[in-house]
Structure formats: C-alpha cells, structure tokens
C-alpha cells in the first residue's frame, strides 16, 4: 500500500514573503484534498548572530516590505519596528521556537508561527530576541520554563538542522516553497501570493499524473 501524498511547506517564521503568503496558504490547507497530508519544514533563513543588522541589510528588508505591499496589497507591516527595535539578522532562534511548539502538536506549531509573524510585522517586536520568544511561547499556552530551557539546547538545534537539511535536499532553497511527494517522487509546486485556486489547480494536476 502506497503512503498518502505529502505537501511540504518550506518556510521561515521571520520570512516576510512567507508572512505575505499566509492568507493563501491558510486557504490552500482548508481546501486541499483530504488525502494529502501537510508537513511544515523550516528552511532556516539566517543563522544565530548577535550582531546588529548592517544598514544595507536593513534597507534591503525594508524595501522587500514595500515590494510585498505592492504585490499583496492587504499585507500589513508596522514600519515602527525599524525605529523601536535593534534588528539582528538571525532567524534560527525563531525557527527553534517553532520546533519546540511543533512537539506539542501542529496547532501549537501554527500558533507559534502566527505569533512570531504578528509580533514582528504588526506589533514592532523583535522575535530574534530570546525574551520575546519566551513571551510568545507563554502567549500560545506553552510551559514557559520548559520552553526557555530547551530553546538553545543542542537537541533543538540539531532538529532544526535536520529540517534545513531536508529542505535543501528536495530543492527548498527559497521561502516559501511547496513540494509534493507522491510515492518516491518529489516535485516543486509553483505558489501564488493572491490566487489560491491557481495553486490548488497545480496541486490537483500533479496528483493526477
């Protein structure tokens, strides 16, 4: 008996384009054929660092936010982040936070992703910071003490590297990315930031092959 098809979602919780894709991705999951399982895979956008973000990187990311607003007009960004926070080019802590939430169930994994995105993009909070992530963990109902002790644990880091390794092995080098696995075949699925039906049609065509 062949396993059910799996749709892999390669993402990073601090990737602004993943945030822009969130409404369509939510609709895809709601409308996806029930025979297809969904698995979130962390791509790991930026390794651990405590160095302030260089001015050119700050400018690049701000420009990406503006580009996203043009491409996906309903996407909300709070640009006060750039004045109120000390940006650090490091998303691995947020990725590890998602992994720890995943251990409690998919609903916690998704809740943590959304909490990180909302904190970063809407509330001008910095999810690169440990304290911010611990607050978010408590906010979604995780044990904050257990979370804090495991956030920087080597076991958690190795789990993240395993996700990243798998993402790279199937071609998930940009975020967001979608891949459909059927039997022993994995194929890329083109995504669209405003057209849920188009993505679902692409998935249906792939399933029919």
N, C-alpha and C. Protein backbone atom coordinates (compact mmCIF):
# COMPACT_ATOMS: atom_id res chain seq x y z
N UNK A 1 0.84 -1.20 0.00
CA UNK A 1 0.00 0.00 0.00
C UNK A 1 0.87 1.25 0.00
N UNK A 2 0.60 2.15 -0.93
CA UNK A 2 1.41 3.37 -1.06
C UNK A 2 0.97 4.40 -0.02
N UNK A 3 1.92 5.14 0.54
CA UNK A 3 1.57 6.19 1.51
C UNK A 3 0.80 7.32 0.85
N UNK A 4 0.05 8.06 1.66
CA UNK A 4 -0.67 9.21 1.14
C UNK A 4 0.31 10.27 0.65
N UNK A 5 -0.09 11.07 -0.33
CA UNK A 5 0.78 12.17 -0.79
C UNK A 5 1.02 13.16 0.35
N UNK A 6 2.17 13.80 0.32
CA UNK A 6 2.53 14.79 1.33
C UNK A 6 2.89 16.10 0.65
N UNK A 7 2.31 17.19 1.14
CA UNK A 7 2.65 18.52 0.65
C UNK A 7 3.57 19.17 1.68
N UNK A 8 4.81 19.43 1.28
CA UNK A 8 5.79 20.06 2.16
C UNK A 8 5.75 21.58 1.96
N UNK A 9 5.69 22.28 3.07
CA UNK A 9 5.72 23.75 3.05
C UNK A 9 7.05 24.19 3.66
N UNK A 10 7.94 24.69 2.83
CA UNK A 10 9.26 25.15 3.28
C UNK A 10 9.15 26.63 3.61
N UNK A 11 9.49 26.99 4.86
CA UNK A 11 9.24 28.36 5.29
C UNK A 11 10.23 28.77 6.37
N UNK A 12 10.18 30.04 6.72
CA UNK A 12 10.87 30.57 7.89
C UNK A 12 9.90 31.53 8.56
N UNK A 13 9.73 31.44 9.88
CA UNK A 13 8.73 32.29 10.54
C UNK A 13 9.03 33.78 10.46
N UNK A 14 10.29 34.15 10.15
CA UNK A 14 10.64 35.56 10.02
C UNK A 14 10.89 35.97 8.57
N UNK A 15 10.41 35.15 7.65
CA UNK A 15 10.49 35.48 6.22
C UNK A 15 9.27 36.32 5.85
N UNK A 16 9.51 37.52 5.36
CA UNK A 16 8.40 38.43 5.06
C UNK A 16 7.52 37.92 3.92
N UNK A 17 8.09 37.20 2.97
CA UNK A 17 7.29 36.66 1.88
C UNK A 17 6.42 35.49 2.36
N UNK A 18 6.91 34.73 3.34
CA UNK A 18 6.07 33.69 3.96
C UNK A 18 4.89 34.33 4.67
N UNK A 19 5.14 35.44 5.34
CA UNK A 19 4.06 36.18 6.00
C UNK A 19 3.03 36.64 4.98
N UNK A 20 3.49 37.13 3.84
CA UNK A 20 2.57 37.58 2.79
C UNK A 20 1.77 36.42 2.20
N UNK A 21 2.36 35.24 2.21
CA UNK A 21 1.71 34.05 1.65
C UNK A 21 0.70 33.44 2.61
N UNK A 22 0.72 33.86 3.86
CA UNK A 22 -0.10 33.24 4.91
C UNK A 22 -1.58 33.13 4.58
N UNK A 23 -2.26 34.18 4.09
CA UNK A 23 -3.70 34.02 3.79
C UNK A 23 -3.98 32.95 2.74
N UNK A 24 -3.20 32.95 1.66
CA UNK A 24 -3.40 31.95 0.61
C UNK A 24 -3.05 30.55 1.13
N UNK A 25 -1.97 30.46 1.89
CA UNK A 25 -1.57 29.17 2.42
C UNK A 25 -2.64 28.60 3.36
N UNK A 26 -3.25 29.44 4.15
CA UNK A 26 -4.33 29.01 5.04
C UNK A 26 -5.50 28.46 4.22
N UNK A 27 -5.85 29.16 3.15
CA UNK A 27 -6.96 28.71 2.30
C UNK A 27 -6.60 27.41 1.58
N UNK A 28 -5.36 27.27 1.16
CA UNK A 28 -4.92 26.04 0.49
C UNK A 28 -5.16 24.85 1.42
N UNK A 29 -4.74 24.99 2.67
CA UNK A 29 -4.89 23.88 3.62
C UNK A 29 -6.35 23.57 3.89
N UNK A 30 -7.19 24.60 3.91
CA UNK A 30 -8.61 24.38 4.16
C UNK A 30 -9.29 23.67 3.00
N UNK A 31 -8.80 23.89 1.78
CA UNK A 31 -9.46 23.36 0.59
C UNK A 31 -8.74 22.17 -0.03
N UNK A 32 -7.59 21.81 0.51
CA UNK A 32 -6.78 20.73 -0.04
C UNK A 32 -7.49 19.39 0.09
N UNK A 33 -7.30 18.55 -0.91
CA UNK A 33 -7.86 17.19 -0.86
C UNK A 33 -7.43 16.52 0.45
N UNK A 34 -8.39 15.90 1.12
CA UNK A 34 -8.11 15.33 2.44
C UNK A 34 -7.14 14.15 2.39
N UNK A 35 -6.87 13.63 1.20
CA UNK A 35 -5.91 12.53 1.08
C UNK A 35 -4.47 13.02 1.17
N UNK A 36 -4.28 14.33 1.09
CA UNK A 36 -2.93 14.91 1.10
C UNK A 36 -2.60 15.40 2.51
N UNK A 37 -1.51 14.90 3.07
CA UNK A 37 -1.07 15.40 4.37
C UNK A 37 -0.15 16.61 4.16
N UNK A 38 -0.11 17.49 5.15
CA UNK A 38 0.70 18.71 5.07
C UNK A 38 1.78 18.65 6.14
N UNK A 39 2.99 18.97 5.74
CA UNK A 39 4.10 18.98 6.69
C UNK A 39 4.88 20.28 6.54
N UNK A 40 5.04 20.98 7.66
CA UNK A 40 5.83 22.21 7.69
C UNK A 40 7.30 21.86 7.87
N UNK A 41 8.16 22.47 7.04
CA UNK A 41 9.61 22.26 7.13
C UNK A 41 10.28 23.62 7.25
N UNK A 42 11.13 23.77 8.26
CA UNK A 42 11.82 25.04 8.47
C UNK A 42 13.04 25.14 7.55
N UNK A 43 13.12 26.24 6.83
CA UNK A 43 14.21 26.43 5.89
C UNK A 43 15.44 27.09 6.48
N UNK A 44 15.27 27.83 7.59
CA UNK A 44 16.42 28.46 8.22
C UNK A 44 17.02 29.58 7.39
N UNK A 45 16.42 30.75 7.50
CA UNK A 45 16.83 31.88 6.66
C UNK A 45 18.17 32.47 7.08
N UNK A 46 18.40 32.64 8.39
CA UNK A 46 19.62 33.32 8.85
C UNK A 46 20.09 32.70 10.16
N UNK A 47 21.36 32.25 10.21
CA UNK A 47 21.90 31.60 11.41
C UNK A 47 21.96 32.53 12.63
N UNK A 48 22.27 31.94 13.78
CA UNK A 48 22.38 32.70 15.02
C UNK A 48 23.43 33.80 14.90
N UNK A 49 23.09 34.96 15.42
CA UNK A 49 24.00 36.10 15.43
C UNK A 49 23.52 37.10 16.47
N UNK A 50 24.48 37.80 17.08
CA UNK A 50 24.10 38.88 18.00
C UNK A 50 24.58 40.23 17.48
N UNK A 51 24.97 40.24 16.21
CA UNK A 51 25.47 41.47 15.61
C UNK A 51 24.34 42.31 15.04
N UNK A 52 24.35 43.62 15.28
CA UNK A 52 23.32 44.48 14.68
C UNK A 52 23.28 44.33 13.16
N UNK A 53 22.10 44.41 12.63
CA UNK A 53 21.92 44.27 11.19
C UNK A 53 22.60 45.43 10.46
N UNK A 54 23.43 45.14 9.45
CA UNK A 54 24.10 46.21 8.69
C UNK A 54 23.07 47.12 8.01
N UNK A 55 23.41 48.39 7.83
CA UNK A 55 22.47 49.33 7.21
C UNK A 55 21.96 48.86 5.85
N UNK A 56 22.83 48.26 5.05
CA UNK A 56 22.40 47.83 3.71
C UNK A 56 21.38 46.69 3.80
N UNK A 57 21.52 45.83 4.81
CA UNK A 57 20.55 44.75 5.00
C UNK A 57 19.23 45.31 5.49
N UNK A 58 19.29 46.27 6.42
CA UNK A 58 18.07 46.93 6.89
C UNK A 58 17.32 47.54 5.72
N UNK A 59 18.05 48.23 4.84
CA UNK A 59 17.42 48.89 3.69
C UNK A 59 16.81 47.86 2.74
N UNK A 60 17.53 46.75 2.54
CA UNK A 60 17.03 45.70 1.65
C UNK A 60 15.71 45.12 2.16
N UNK A 61 15.66 44.80 3.47
CA UNK A 61 14.45 44.18 4.03
C UNK A 61 13.29 45.17 4.04
N UNK A 62 13.56 46.43 4.39
CA UNK A 62 12.51 47.44 4.33
C UNK A 62 11.94 47.54 2.91
N UNK A 63 12.83 47.50 1.93
CA UNK A 63 12.38 47.56 0.54
C UNK A 63 11.54 46.34 0.16
N UNK A 64 11.91 45.18 0.73
CA UNK A 64 11.11 43.98 0.49
C UNK A 64 9.70 44.14 1.04
N UNK A 65 9.59 44.76 2.21
CA UNK A 65 8.26 45.01 2.78
C UNK A 65 7.44 45.88 1.82
N UNK A 66 8.07 46.91 1.29
CA UNK A 66 7.36 47.79 0.35
C UNK A 66 6.96 47.03 -0.92
N UNK A 67 7.85 46.17 -1.39
CA UNK A 67 7.55 45.38 -2.58
C UNK A 67 6.39 44.43 -2.33
N UNK A 68 6.36 43.85 -1.12
CA UNK A 68 5.27 42.94 -0.77
C UNK A 68 3.93 43.68 -0.76
N UNK A 69 3.92 44.89 -0.21
CA UNK A 69 2.67 45.67 -0.16
C UNK A 69 2.16 45.94 -1.57
N UNK A 70 3.08 46.13 -2.52
CA UNK A 70 2.68 46.33 -3.91
C UNK A 70 2.14 45.03 -4.52
N UNK A 71 2.74 43.90 -4.16
CA UNK A 71 2.39 42.61 -4.75
C UNK A 71 1.16 41.99 -4.09
N UNK A 72 1.11 42.11 -2.76
CA UNK A 72 0.00 41.55 -1.97
C UNK A 72 -0.57 42.69 -1.13
N UNK A 73 -1.45 43.51 -1.70
CA UNK A 73 -1.84 44.80 -1.08
C UNK A 73 -2.44 44.71 0.32
N UNK A 74 -3.03 43.61 0.69
CA UNK A 74 -3.66 43.51 2.01
C UNK A 74 -2.67 43.17 3.13
N UNK A 75 -1.40 43.00 2.80
CA UNK A 75 -0.41 42.64 3.80
C UNK A 75 -0.08 43.86 4.67
N UNK A 76 -0.10 43.67 5.99
CA UNK A 76 0.13 44.77 6.93
C UNK A 76 1.54 44.70 7.51
N UNK A 77 2.23 45.84 7.50
CA UNK A 77 3.56 45.95 8.11
C UNK A 77 3.57 47.18 9.02
N UNK A 78 4.21 47.02 10.16
CA UNK A 78 4.41 48.14 11.09
C UNK A 78 5.87 48.59 10.97
N UNK A 79 6.10 49.64 10.22
CA UNK A 79 7.47 50.09 9.95
C UNK A 79 8.13 50.72 11.18
N UNK A 80 7.37 50.89 12.26
CA UNK A 80 7.96 51.37 13.51
C UNK A 80 9.01 50.39 14.05
N UNK A 81 8.94 49.15 13.60
CA UNK A 81 9.95 48.15 14.01
C UNK A 81 11.35 48.68 13.82
N UNK A 82 11.59 49.37 12.71
CA UNK A 82 12.94 49.78 12.36
C UNK A 82 13.46 50.92 13.25
N UNK A 83 12.56 51.60 13.93
CA UNK A 83 12.97 52.65 14.86
C UNK A 83 12.96 52.16 16.31
N UNK A 84 12.06 51.24 16.63
CA UNK A 84 11.87 50.82 18.02
C UNK A 84 12.72 49.62 18.42
N UNK A 85 13.19 48.84 17.45
CA UNK A 85 13.95 47.63 17.74
C UNK A 85 15.37 47.72 17.19
N UNK A 86 16.21 46.85 17.72
CA UNK A 86 17.57 46.70 17.20
C UNK A 86 17.59 45.44 16.34
N UNK A 87 17.40 45.57 15.03
CA UNK A 87 17.32 44.39 14.17
C UNK A 87 18.63 43.60 14.18
N UNK A 88 18.48 42.28 14.19
CA UNK A 88 19.60 41.35 14.10
C UNK A 88 19.25 40.36 13.00
N UNK A 89 20.21 40.11 12.12
CA UNK A 89 19.95 39.17 11.02
C UNK A 89 20.10 37.75 11.54
N UNK A 90 19.08 37.27 12.25
CA UNK A 90 19.13 35.95 12.85
C UNK A 90 17.72 35.42 13.01
N UNK A 91 17.40 34.35 12.28
CA UNK A 91 16.06 33.75 12.38
C UNK A 91 16.09 32.37 13.02
N UNK A 92 17.26 31.81 13.26
CA UNK A 92 17.33 30.47 13.85
C UNK A 92 16.63 30.39 15.21
N UNK A 93 16.74 31.40 16.10
CA UNK A 93 16.01 31.30 17.36
C UNK A 93 14.50 31.15 17.15
N UNK A 94 13.94 31.93 16.23
CA UNK A 94 12.51 31.83 15.94
C UNK A 94 12.17 30.46 15.35
N UNK A 95 13.07 29.93 14.52
CA UNK A 95 12.86 28.59 13.96
C UNK A 95 12.85 27.54 15.07
N UNK A 96 13.77 27.65 16.01
CA UNK A 96 13.80 26.69 17.13
C UNK A 96 12.53 26.82 17.98
N UNK A 97 12.03 28.03 18.13
CA UNK A 97 10.78 28.23 18.86
C UNK A 97 9.63 27.48 18.18
N UNK A 98 9.60 27.52 16.86
CA UNK A 98 8.56 26.79 16.12
C UNK A 98 8.71 25.29 16.31
N UNK A 99 9.95 24.81 16.30
CA UNK A 99 10.19 23.38 16.51
C UNK A 99 9.69 22.93 17.88
N UNK A 100 9.96 23.72 18.91
CA UNK A 100 9.50 23.37 20.25
C UNK A 100 7.98 23.36 20.33
N UNK A 101 7.35 24.30 19.64
CA UNK A 101 5.88 24.32 19.60
C UNK A 101 5.35 23.10 18.85
N UNK A 102 6.04 22.71 17.77
CA UNK A 102 5.64 21.55 16.98
C UNK A 102 5.56 20.29 17.84
N UNK A 103 6.44 20.18 18.81
CA UNK A 103 6.46 18.99 19.67
C UNK A 103 5.17 18.83 20.46
N UNK A 104 4.42 19.90 20.61
CA UNK A 104 3.15 19.85 21.35
C UNK A 104 1.95 19.64 20.43
N UNK A 105 2.20 19.61 19.12
CA UNK A 105 1.11 19.39 18.17
C UNK A 105 1.10 20.45 17.09
N UNK A 106 0.51 20.10 15.94
CA UNK A 106 0.52 21.02 14.80
C UNK A 106 -0.18 22.33 15.11
N UNK A 107 -1.24 22.30 15.94
CA UNK A 107 -1.94 23.54 16.25
C UNK A 107 -1.03 24.52 16.98
N UNK A 108 -0.13 24.00 17.81
CA UNK A 108 0.82 24.87 18.51
C UNK A 108 1.90 25.37 17.54
N UNK A 109 2.32 24.51 16.64
CA UNK A 109 3.31 24.91 15.63
C UNK A 109 2.78 26.10 14.82
N UNK A 110 1.55 25.99 14.33
CA UNK A 110 0.96 27.06 13.53
C UNK A 110 0.74 28.30 14.39
N UNK A 111 0.29 28.11 15.63
CA UNK A 111 0.08 29.24 16.53
C UNK A 111 1.37 30.00 16.78
N UNK A 112 2.49 29.29 16.93
CA UNK A 112 3.77 29.95 17.15
C UNK A 112 4.22 30.71 15.91
N UNK A 113 4.05 30.11 14.75
CA UNK A 113 4.41 30.80 13.50
C UNK A 113 3.64 32.11 13.39
N UNK A 114 2.34 32.05 13.61
CA UNK A 114 1.50 33.24 13.50
C UNK A 114 1.86 34.26 14.58
N UNK A 115 2.16 33.80 15.80
CA UNK A 115 2.52 34.72 16.87
C UNK A 115 3.81 35.45 16.55
N UNK A 116 4.78 34.73 16.00
CA UNK A 116 6.05 35.36 15.61
C UNK A 116 5.82 36.38 14.51
N UNK A 117 5.06 36.00 13.50
CA UNK A 117 4.78 36.92 12.39
C UNK A 117 4.05 38.16 12.87
N UNK A 118 3.04 37.98 13.70
CA UNK A 118 2.27 39.12 14.18
C UNK A 118 3.13 40.04 15.04
N UNK A 119 3.96 39.44 15.90
CA UNK A 119 4.84 40.25 16.75
C UNK A 119 5.81 41.07 15.91
N UNK A 120 6.40 40.44 14.92
CA UNK A 120 7.43 41.07 14.08
C UNK A 120 6.82 42.13 13.17
N UNK A 121 5.83 41.73 12.40
CA UNK A 121 5.35 42.59 11.32
C UNK A 121 4.25 43.57 11.73
N UNK A 122 3.50 43.25 12.76
CA UNK A 122 2.37 44.10 13.13
C UNK A 122 2.58 44.85 14.44
N UNK A 123 3.35 44.26 15.36
CA UNK A 123 3.48 44.83 16.70
C UNK A 123 4.85 45.44 16.96
N UNK A 124 5.72 45.46 15.97
CA UNK A 124 7.06 46.05 16.10
C UNK A 124 7.83 45.46 17.27
N UNK A 125 7.72 44.12 17.43
CA UNK A 125 8.50 43.39 18.43
C UNK A 125 9.55 42.55 17.71
N UNK A 126 10.60 42.17 18.42
CA UNK A 126 11.74 41.54 17.77
C UNK A 126 11.85 40.06 18.13
N UNK A 127 11.36 39.15 17.28
CA UNK A 127 11.42 37.72 17.59
C UNK A 127 12.79 37.09 17.38
N UNK A 128 13.81 37.91 17.10
CA UNK A 128 15.17 37.40 17.15
C UNK A 128 15.65 37.30 18.59
N UNK A 129 14.94 37.98 19.51
CA UNK A 129 15.35 38.04 20.90
C UNK A 129 14.71 36.92 21.71
N UNK A 130 15.50 36.33 22.56
CA UNK A 130 15.06 35.21 23.39
C UNK A 130 13.86 35.58 24.26
N UNK A 131 13.92 36.75 24.90
CA UNK A 131 12.83 37.16 25.80
C UNK A 131 11.51 37.28 25.05
N UNK A 132 11.58 37.82 23.84
CA UNK A 132 10.36 37.97 23.04
C UNK A 132 9.77 36.60 22.71
N UNK A 133 10.62 35.64 22.38
CA UNK A 133 10.13 34.30 22.04
C UNK A 133 9.53 33.60 23.25
N UNK A 134 10.13 33.78 24.42
CA UNK A 134 9.59 33.18 25.64
C UNK A 134 8.21 33.76 25.96
N UNK A 135 8.06 35.05 25.72
CA UNK A 135 6.75 35.68 25.94
C UNK A 135 5.71 35.11 24.98
N UNK A 136 6.10 34.91 23.73
CA UNK A 136 5.18 34.35 22.74
C UNK A 136 4.82 32.91 23.08
N UNK A 137 5.78 32.15 23.59
CA UNK A 137 5.51 30.77 23.98
C UNK A 137 4.44 30.73 25.07
N UNK A 138 4.57 31.60 26.04
CA UNK A 138 3.58 31.68 27.10
C UNK A 138 2.23 32.12 26.54
N UNK A 139 2.28 33.03 25.57
CA UNK A 139 1.06 33.56 24.97
C UNK A 139 0.24 32.47 24.29
N UNK A 140 0.91 31.50 23.66
CA UNK A 140 0.17 30.45 22.95
C UNK A 140 -0.10 29.23 23.82
N UNK A 141 0.30 29.30 25.10
CA UNK A 141 -0.05 28.23 26.03
C UNK A 141 1.01 27.19 26.28
N UNK A 142 2.27 27.48 25.92
CA UNK A 142 3.36 26.55 26.22
C UNK A 142 3.89 26.80 27.63
N UNK A 143 4.52 25.81 28.20
CA UNK A 143 5.18 25.96 29.50
C UNK A 143 6.42 26.81 29.30
N UNK A 144 6.42 28.04 29.80
CA UNK A 144 7.48 28.99 29.51
C UNK A 144 8.84 28.56 30.07
N UNK A 145 8.84 27.87 31.22
CA UNK A 145 10.10 27.42 31.80
C UNK A 145 10.73 26.31 30.97
N UNK A 146 9.91 25.34 30.57
CA UNK A 146 10.40 24.24 29.72
C UNK A 146 10.88 24.80 28.38
N UNK A 147 10.09 25.72 27.82
CA UNK A 147 10.45 26.34 26.54
C UNK A 147 11.79 27.05 26.65
N UNK A 148 11.97 27.86 27.68
CA UNK A 148 13.19 28.64 27.84
C UNK A 148 14.42 27.75 27.97
N UNK A 149 14.27 26.64 28.68
CA UNK A 149 15.42 25.76 28.89
C UNK A 149 15.79 24.99 27.63
N UNK A 150 14.83 24.78 26.73
CA UNK A 150 15.08 23.99 25.52
C UNK A 150 15.39 24.83 24.29
N UNK A 151 15.15 26.14 24.36
CA UNK A 151 15.26 26.98 23.16
C UNK A 151 16.65 26.94 22.54
N UNK A 152 17.68 26.97 23.37
CA UNK A 152 19.05 26.97 22.87
C UNK A 152 19.76 25.64 23.08
N UNK A 153 18.98 24.61 23.40
CA UNK A 153 19.55 23.29 23.64
C UNK A 153 20.08 22.70 22.33
N UNK A 154 21.15 21.93 22.44
CA UNK A 154 21.76 21.35 21.23
C UNK A 154 20.80 20.40 20.52
N UNK A 155 19.96 19.70 21.29
CA UNK A 155 18.99 18.80 20.67
C UNK A 155 18.03 19.57 19.78
N UNK A 156 17.61 20.74 20.25
CA UNK A 156 16.71 21.58 19.45
C UNK A 156 17.41 22.09 18.20
N UNK A 157 18.66 22.49 18.35
CA UNK A 157 19.43 22.96 17.21
C UNK A 157 19.63 21.86 16.18
N UNK A 158 19.91 20.64 16.63
CA UNK A 158 20.09 19.53 15.70
C UNK A 158 18.80 19.21 14.96
N UNK A 159 17.68 19.35 15.65
CA UNK A 159 16.39 19.14 14.99
C UNK A 159 16.16 20.19 13.90
N UNK A 160 16.57 21.42 14.18
CA UNK A 160 16.45 22.48 13.18
C UNK A 160 17.35 22.17 11.98
N UNK A 161 18.57 21.76 12.24
CA UNK A 161 19.49 21.44 11.14
C UNK A 161 18.97 20.28 10.30
N UNK A 162 18.25 19.36 10.93
CA UNK A 162 17.64 18.25 10.19
C UNK A 162 16.56 18.76 9.24
N UNK A 163 15.73 19.69 9.73
CA UNK A 163 14.72 20.31 8.87
C UNK A 163 15.38 21.02 7.69
N UNK A 164 16.39 21.83 8.01
CA UNK A 164 17.08 22.60 6.97
C UNK A 164 17.72 21.65 5.95
N UNK A 165 18.34 20.58 6.43
CA UNK A 165 18.97 19.62 5.53
C UNK A 165 17.96 18.97 4.60
N UNK A 166 16.80 18.61 5.14
CA UNK A 166 15.77 18.00 4.29
C UNK A 166 15.27 19.01 3.26
N UNK A 167 15.04 20.25 3.71
CA UNK A 167 14.57 21.28 2.78
C UNK A 167 15.53 21.44 1.60
N UNK A 168 16.84 21.51 1.91
CA UNK A 168 17.82 21.68 0.85
C UNK A 168 17.87 20.45 -0.06
N UNK A 169 17.67 19.28 0.52
CA UNK A 169 17.79 18.04 -0.26
C UNK A 169 16.70 17.91 -1.32
N UNK A 170 15.56 18.58 -1.11
CA UNK A 170 14.48 18.49 -2.10
C UNK A 170 14.39 19.75 -2.96
N UNK A 171 15.32 20.68 -2.75
CA UNK A 171 15.34 21.90 -3.56
C UNK A 171 14.71 23.11 -2.90
N UNK A 172 14.43 23.01 -1.60
CA UNK A 172 13.81 24.13 -0.89
C UNK A 172 14.83 25.16 -0.46
N UNK A 173 15.27 25.95 -1.40
CA UNK A 173 16.31 26.94 -1.14
C UNK A 173 15.77 28.37 -1.02
N UNK A 174 14.49 28.55 -1.27
CA UNK A 174 13.86 29.87 -1.14
C UNK A 174 12.54 29.68 -0.41
N UNK A 175 12.08 30.76 0.20
CA UNK A 175 10.90 30.66 1.07
C UNK A 175 9.87 31.72 0.68
N UNK A 176 8.60 31.35 0.61
CA UNK A 176 8.08 30.00 0.81
C UNK A 176 8.27 29.13 -0.43
N UNK A 177 8.30 27.82 -0.23
CA UNK A 177 8.32 26.86 -1.33
C UNK A 177 7.38 25.73 -1.00
N UNK A 178 6.79 25.15 -2.02
CA UNK A 178 5.90 24.00 -1.87
C UNK A 178 6.44 22.83 -2.69
N UNK A 179 6.39 21.63 -2.10
CA UNK A 179 6.81 20.42 -2.80
C UNK A 179 5.81 19.32 -2.50
N UNK A 180 5.45 18.58 -3.51
CA UNK A 180 4.51 17.47 -3.37
C UNK A 180 5.25 16.16 -3.53
N UNK A 181 5.11 15.28 -2.54
CA UNK A 181 5.70 13.95 -2.62
C UNK A 181 4.61 12.93 -2.87
N UNK A 182 4.80 12.14 -3.93
CA UNK A 182 3.93 11.00 -4.22
C UNK A 182 4.83 9.79 -4.41
N UNK A 183 4.64 8.79 -3.58
CA UNK A 183 5.49 7.61 -3.62
C UNK A 183 6.95 8.04 -3.46
N UNK A 184 7.78 7.80 -4.46
CA UNK A 184 9.20 8.17 -4.35
C UNK A 184 9.54 9.42 -5.13
N UNK A 185 8.51 10.13 -5.59
CA UNK A 185 8.74 11.32 -6.42
C UNK A 185 8.37 12.58 -5.66
N UNK A 186 9.27 13.57 -5.69
CA UNK A 186 9.00 14.87 -5.09
C UNK A 186 9.12 15.93 -6.18
N UNK A 187 8.07 16.72 -6.33
CA UNK A 187 8.08 17.75 -7.36
C UNK A 187 7.71 19.11 -6.78
N UNK A 188 8.31 20.15 -7.35
CA UNK A 188 8.03 21.51 -6.91
C UNK A 188 6.64 21.94 -7.38
N UNK A 189 5.95 22.68 -6.51
CA UNK A 189 4.63 23.22 -6.83
C UNK A 189 4.74 24.74 -6.84
N UNK A 190 4.44 25.35 -7.96
CA UNK A 190 4.51 26.81 -8.06
C UNK A 190 3.46 27.43 -7.14
N UNK A 191 3.87 28.45 -6.39
CA UNK A 191 2.93 29.11 -5.50
C UNK A 191 2.57 30.49 -6.04
N UNK A 192 1.46 31.02 -5.54
CA UNK A 192 0.96 32.32 -5.98
C UNK A 192 0.50 33.07 -4.74
N UNK A 193 0.82 34.35 -4.65
CA UNK A 193 0.55 35.09 -3.42
C UNK A 193 -0.87 35.60 -3.28
N UNK A 194 -1.64 35.58 -4.35
CA UNK A 194 -3.01 36.11 -4.27
C UNK A 194 -4.07 35.19 -4.87
N UNK A 195 -3.67 34.06 -5.43
CA UNK A 195 -4.62 33.20 -6.16
C UNK A 195 -4.57 31.78 -5.60
N UNK A 196 -5.42 31.51 -4.62
CA UNK A 196 -5.48 30.18 -4.01
C UNK A 196 -5.87 29.12 -5.03
N UNK A 197 -6.86 29.43 -5.87
CA UNK A 197 -7.37 28.45 -6.83
C UNK A 197 -6.28 28.00 -7.79
N UNK A 198 -5.41 28.91 -8.15
CA UNK A 198 -4.34 28.58 -9.10
C UNK A 198 -3.38 27.56 -8.49
N UNK A 199 -3.04 27.76 -7.22
CA UNK A 199 -2.13 26.82 -6.56
C UNK A 199 -2.81 25.46 -6.39
N UNK A 200 -4.06 25.46 -5.97
CA UNK A 200 -4.79 24.20 -5.80
C UNK A 200 -4.91 23.44 -7.12
N UNK A 201 -5.11 24.16 -8.21
CA UNK A 201 -5.20 23.52 -9.53
C UNK A 201 -3.87 22.87 -9.89
N UNK A 202 -2.77 23.55 -9.57
CA UNK A 202 -1.45 22.99 -9.84
C UNK A 202 -1.24 21.71 -9.04
N UNK A 203 -1.67 21.71 -7.79
CA UNK A 203 -1.54 20.52 -6.95
C UNK A 203 -2.40 19.39 -7.50
N UNK A 204 -3.62 19.71 -7.91
CA UNK A 204 -4.52 18.69 -8.45
C UNK A 204 -3.95 18.06 -9.74
N UNK A 205 -3.37 18.91 -10.57
CA UNK A 205 -2.74 18.39 -11.80
C UNK A 205 -1.58 17.45 -11.46
N UNK A 206 -0.79 17.83 -10.47
CA UNK A 206 0.34 16.99 -10.06
C UNK A 206 -0.14 15.66 -9.49
N UNK A 207 -1.22 15.70 -8.73
CA UNK A 207 -1.75 14.47 -8.14
C UNK A 207 -2.29 13.51 -9.21
N UNK A 208 -2.77 14.08 -10.31
CA UNK A 208 -3.38 13.28 -11.36
C UNK A 208 -2.36 12.60 -12.28
N UNK A 209 -1.11 13.01 -12.15
CA UNK A 209 -0.09 12.44 -13.04
C UNK A 209 0.24 11.00 -12.66
